[in-house]
Amino acid sequence: MTAQFDLELDATGLMCPEPVMMLHNKVKEMQSGNVLRVLATDPSTKRDIAKFCTFLGYNLLSHDEQDGVLRFYIEKP
């Protein structure tokens, strides 16, 4: 099953702190209720994106890993 999303951020191949810096800019494009899919390969994004969502009030709907790529689904409240 493929999750639905409105926007996507591809941060594959980038290392901390670049994925979260890009995420911070990308969420500015989101409307309330939009879902953003983030793709990343840096293992530290598991921790960093969860903290980002907690501190800024975004909903981390789900995350998984497929073929070495981490996928995060983030909803703007």
N, C-alpha and C. Protein backbone atom coordinates (compact mmCIF):
# COMPACT_ATOMS: atom_id res chain seq x y z
N MET A 1 0.84 -1.18 0.00
CA MET A 1 0.00 0.00 0.00
C MET A 1 0.89 1.25 0.00
N THR A 2 0.59 2.20 -0.85
CA THR A 2 1.34 3.44 -0.94
C THR A 2 0.56 4.55 -0.26
N ALA A 3 1.21 5.23 0.66
CA ALA A 3 0.57 6.34 1.36
C ALA A 3 0.40 7.52 0.41
N GLN A 4 -0.67 8.27 0.63
CA GLN A 4 -0.95 9.46 -0.18
C GLN A 4 -0.17 10.64 0.39
N PHE A 5 0.32 11.50 -0.50
CA PHE A 5 1.04 12.70 -0.07
C PHE A 5 0.85 13.80 -1.10
N ASP A 6 1.00 15.04 -0.64
CA ASP A 6 0.79 16.20 -1.50
C ASP A 6 2.11 16.77 -2.04
N LEU A 7 3.14 16.72 -1.23
CA LEU A 7 4.45 17.26 -1.59
C LEU A 7 5.52 16.23 -1.24
N GLU A 8 6.68 16.37 -1.89
CA GLU A 8 7.76 15.44 -1.60
C GLU A 8 9.08 16.20 -1.47
N LEU A 9 9.90 15.74 -0.56
CA LEU A 9 11.24 16.27 -0.37
C LEU A 9 12.21 15.11 -0.49
N ASP A 10 13.09 15.15 -1.48
CA ASP A 10 14.08 14.10 -1.68
C ASP A 10 15.41 14.56 -1.10
N ALA A 11 15.77 14.02 0.05
CA ALA A 11 17.02 14.36 0.70
C ALA A 11 17.97 13.16 0.70
N THR A 12 17.78 12.24 -0.23
CA THR A 12 18.64 11.07 -0.29
C THR A 12 20.07 11.50 -0.63
N GLY A 13 21.02 10.85 0.02
CA GLY A 13 22.42 11.15 -0.21
C GLY A 13 22.95 12.31 0.62
N LEU A 14 22.09 13.01 1.32
CA LEU A 14 22.51 14.15 2.13
C LEU A 14 22.70 13.72 3.57
N MET A 15 23.63 14.37 4.24
CA MET A 15 23.94 14.05 5.63
C MET A 15 23.47 15.18 6.54
N CYS A 16 23.28 14.85 7.80
CA CYS A 16 22.88 15.79 8.83
C CYS A 16 23.83 16.99 8.81
N PRO A 17 23.32 18.20 8.86
CA PRO A 17 21.96 18.63 9.15
C PRO A 17 21.14 18.99 7.91
N GLU A 18 21.66 18.71 6.71
CA GLU A 18 20.99 19.15 5.48
C GLU A 18 19.54 18.68 5.33
N PRO A 19 19.20 17.40 5.59
CA PRO A 19 17.79 17.01 5.41
C PRO A 19 16.81 17.82 6.26
N VAL A 20 17.17 18.08 7.52
CA VAL A 20 16.26 18.83 8.39
C VAL A 20 16.22 20.30 7.99
N MET A 21 17.32 20.85 7.52
CA MET A 21 17.32 22.23 7.04
C MET A 21 16.42 22.36 5.82
N MET A 22 16.49 21.39 4.92
CA MET A 22 15.63 21.40 3.74
C MET A 22 14.17 21.21 4.16
N LEU A 23 13.92 20.35 5.14
CA LEU A 23 12.57 20.12 5.64
C LEU A 23 11.99 21.41 6.20
N HIS A 24 12.78 22.14 6.96
CA HIS A 24 12.31 23.39 7.54
C HIS A 24 11.84 24.36 6.45
N ASN A 25 12.55 24.42 5.34
CA ASN A 25 12.13 25.28 4.22
C ASN A 25 10.92 24.73 3.48
N LYS A 26 10.85 23.41 3.32
CA LYS A 26 9.77 22.79 2.55
C LYS A 26 8.42 22.92 3.25
N VAL A 27 8.39 22.84 4.58
CA VAL A 27 7.09 22.91 5.28
C VAL A 27 6.43 24.27 5.10
N LYS A 28 7.20 25.28 4.73
CA LYS A 28 6.62 26.61 4.47
C LYS A 28 5.68 26.60 3.27
N GLU A 29 5.86 25.63 2.37
CA GLU A 29 5.01 25.50 1.19
C GLU A 29 3.70 24.78 1.49
N MET A 30 3.61 24.15 2.65
CA MET A 30 2.46 23.31 2.97
C MET A 30 1.27 24.11 3.47
N GLN A 31 0.09 23.62 3.13
CA GLN A 31 -1.16 24.13 3.67
C GLN A 31 -1.60 23.19 4.78
N SER A 32 -2.47 23.65 5.64
CA SER A 32 -3.01 22.80 6.70
C SER A 32 -3.66 21.56 6.10
N GLY A 33 -3.30 20.41 6.62
CA GLY A 33 -3.84 19.14 6.12
C GLY A 33 -3.01 18.48 5.05
N ASN A 34 -2.04 19.22 4.48
CA ASN A 34 -1.16 18.63 3.47
C ASN A 34 -0.24 17.60 4.11
N VAL A 35 0.12 16.59 3.32
CA VAL A 35 1.06 15.57 3.76
C VAL A 35 2.31 15.67 2.89
N LEU A 36 3.45 15.70 3.55
CA LEU A 36 4.74 15.75 2.90
C LEU A 36 5.44 14.41 3.06
N ARG A 37 5.95 13.87 1.95
CA ARG A 37 6.77 12.67 2.03
C ARG A 37 8.22 13.10 1.94
N VAL A 38 9.01 12.67 2.91
CA VAL A 38 10.44 12.96 2.93
C VAL A 38 11.19 11.66 2.68
N LEU A 39 12.11 11.69 1.74
CA LEU A 39 12.97 10.55 1.44
C LEU A 39 14.38 10.90 1.91
N ALA A 40 15.00 10.01 2.65
CA ALA A 40 16.35 10.27 3.17
C ALA A 40 17.11 8.96 3.31
N THR A 41 18.43 9.07 3.35
CA THR A 41 19.27 7.89 3.53
C THR A 41 20.14 7.99 4.78
N ASP A 42 20.25 9.15 5.38
CA ASP A 42 21.05 9.34 6.59
C ASP A 42 20.27 8.77 7.78
N PRO A 43 20.81 7.77 8.47
CA PRO A 43 20.09 7.17 9.61
C PRO A 43 19.71 8.17 10.71
N SER A 44 20.46 9.25 10.85
CA SER A 44 20.14 10.22 11.91
C SER A 44 18.83 10.96 11.64
N THR A 45 18.31 10.87 10.41
CA THR A 45 17.03 11.54 10.14
C THR A 45 15.89 10.89 10.92
N LYS A 46 16.03 9.62 11.30
CA LYS A 46 14.99 8.99 12.12
C LYS A 46 14.76 9.79 13.39
N ARG A 47 15.84 10.13 14.05
CA ARG A 47 15.76 10.91 15.28
C ARG A 47 15.42 12.37 15.00
N ASP A 48 16.10 12.95 14.01
CA ASP A 48 15.97 14.38 13.75
C ASP A 48 14.58 14.77 13.26
N ILE A 49 13.98 13.98 12.39
CA ILE A 49 12.66 14.33 11.88
C ILE A 49 11.61 14.14 12.95
N ALA A 50 11.74 13.12 13.77
CA ALA A 50 10.79 12.94 14.88
C ALA A 50 10.85 14.14 15.83
N LYS A 51 12.05 14.60 16.16
CA LYS A 51 12.20 15.76 17.04
C LYS A 51 11.66 17.02 16.37
N PHE A 52 11.92 17.18 15.09
CA PHE A 52 11.41 18.34 14.35
C PHE A 52 9.89 18.41 14.47
N CYS A 53 9.23 17.27 14.23
CA CYS A 53 7.76 17.23 14.29
C CYS A 53 7.25 17.53 15.70
N THR A 54 7.88 16.96 16.70
CA THR A 54 7.47 17.18 18.08
C THR A 54 7.60 18.65 18.47
N PHE A 55 8.74 19.24 18.19
CA PHE A 55 8.99 20.62 18.60
C PHE A 55 8.16 21.64 17.84
N LEU A 56 7.87 21.37 16.56
CA LEU A 56 7.16 22.36 15.75
C LEU A 56 5.67 22.03 15.56
N GLY A 57 5.21 20.93 16.15
CA GLY A 57 3.78 20.63 16.12
C GLY A 57 3.26 19.99 14.85
N TYR A 58 4.14 19.39 14.07
CA TYR A 58 3.69 18.66 12.88
C TYR A 58 3.40 17.22 13.28
N ASN A 59 2.55 16.55 12.50
CA ASN A 59 2.18 15.17 12.78
C ASN A 59 3.04 14.22 11.95
N LEU A 60 3.83 13.41 12.62
CA LEU A 60 4.59 12.37 11.92
C LEU A 60 3.64 11.18 11.80
N LEU A 61 3.03 11.05 10.63
CA LEU A 61 1.99 10.03 10.42
C LEU A 61 2.57 8.63 10.39
N SER A 62 3.70 8.47 9.70
CA SER A 62 4.34 7.16 9.63
C SER A 62 5.74 7.32 9.07
N HIS A 63 6.52 6.28 9.26
CA HIS A 63 7.86 6.22 8.66
C HIS A 63 8.21 4.77 8.47
N ASP A 64 8.98 4.52 7.43
CA ASP A 64 9.44 3.16 7.16
C ASP A 64 10.73 3.23 6.37
N GLU A 65 11.25 2.07 6.05
CA GLU A 65 12.48 2.00 5.26
C GLU A 65 12.28 0.96 4.18
N GLN A 66 12.68 1.33 2.96
CA GLN A 66 12.56 0.41 1.84
C GLN A 66 13.82 0.54 0.98
N ASP A 67 14.53 -0.55 0.82
CA ASP A 67 15.75 -0.58 0.00
C ASP A 67 16.74 0.50 0.42
N GLY A 68 16.91 0.70 1.74
CA GLY A 68 17.88 1.66 2.25
C GLY A 68 17.43 3.10 2.25
N VAL A 69 16.20 3.35 1.80
CA VAL A 69 15.66 4.72 1.79
C VAL A 69 14.62 4.85 2.89
N LEU A 70 14.82 5.82 3.76
CA LEU A 70 13.86 6.12 4.82
C LEU A 70 12.76 6.99 4.24
N ARG A 71 11.52 6.66 4.57
CA ARG A 71 10.37 7.44 4.09
C ARG A 71 9.57 7.92 5.30
N PHE A 72 9.32 9.21 5.34
CA PHE A 72 8.57 9.84 6.42
C PHE A 72 7.37 10.55 5.82
N TYR A 73 6.23 10.43 6.49
CA TYR A 73 5.01 11.11 6.05
C TYR A 73 4.61 12.07 7.16
N ILE A 74 4.64 13.37 6.83
CA ILE A 74 4.44 14.43 7.81
C ILE A 74 3.23 15.26 7.40
N GLU A 75 2.32 15.48 8.34
CA GLU A 75 1.13 16.28 8.07
C GLU A 75 1.21 17.61 8.81
N LYS A 76 0.84 18.66 8.09
CA LYS A 76 0.76 19.98 8.73
C LYS A 76 -0.62 20.12 9.36
N PRO A 77 -0.67 20.43 10.66
CA PRO A 77 -1.99 20.54 11.33
C PRO A 77 -2.78 21.74 10.86
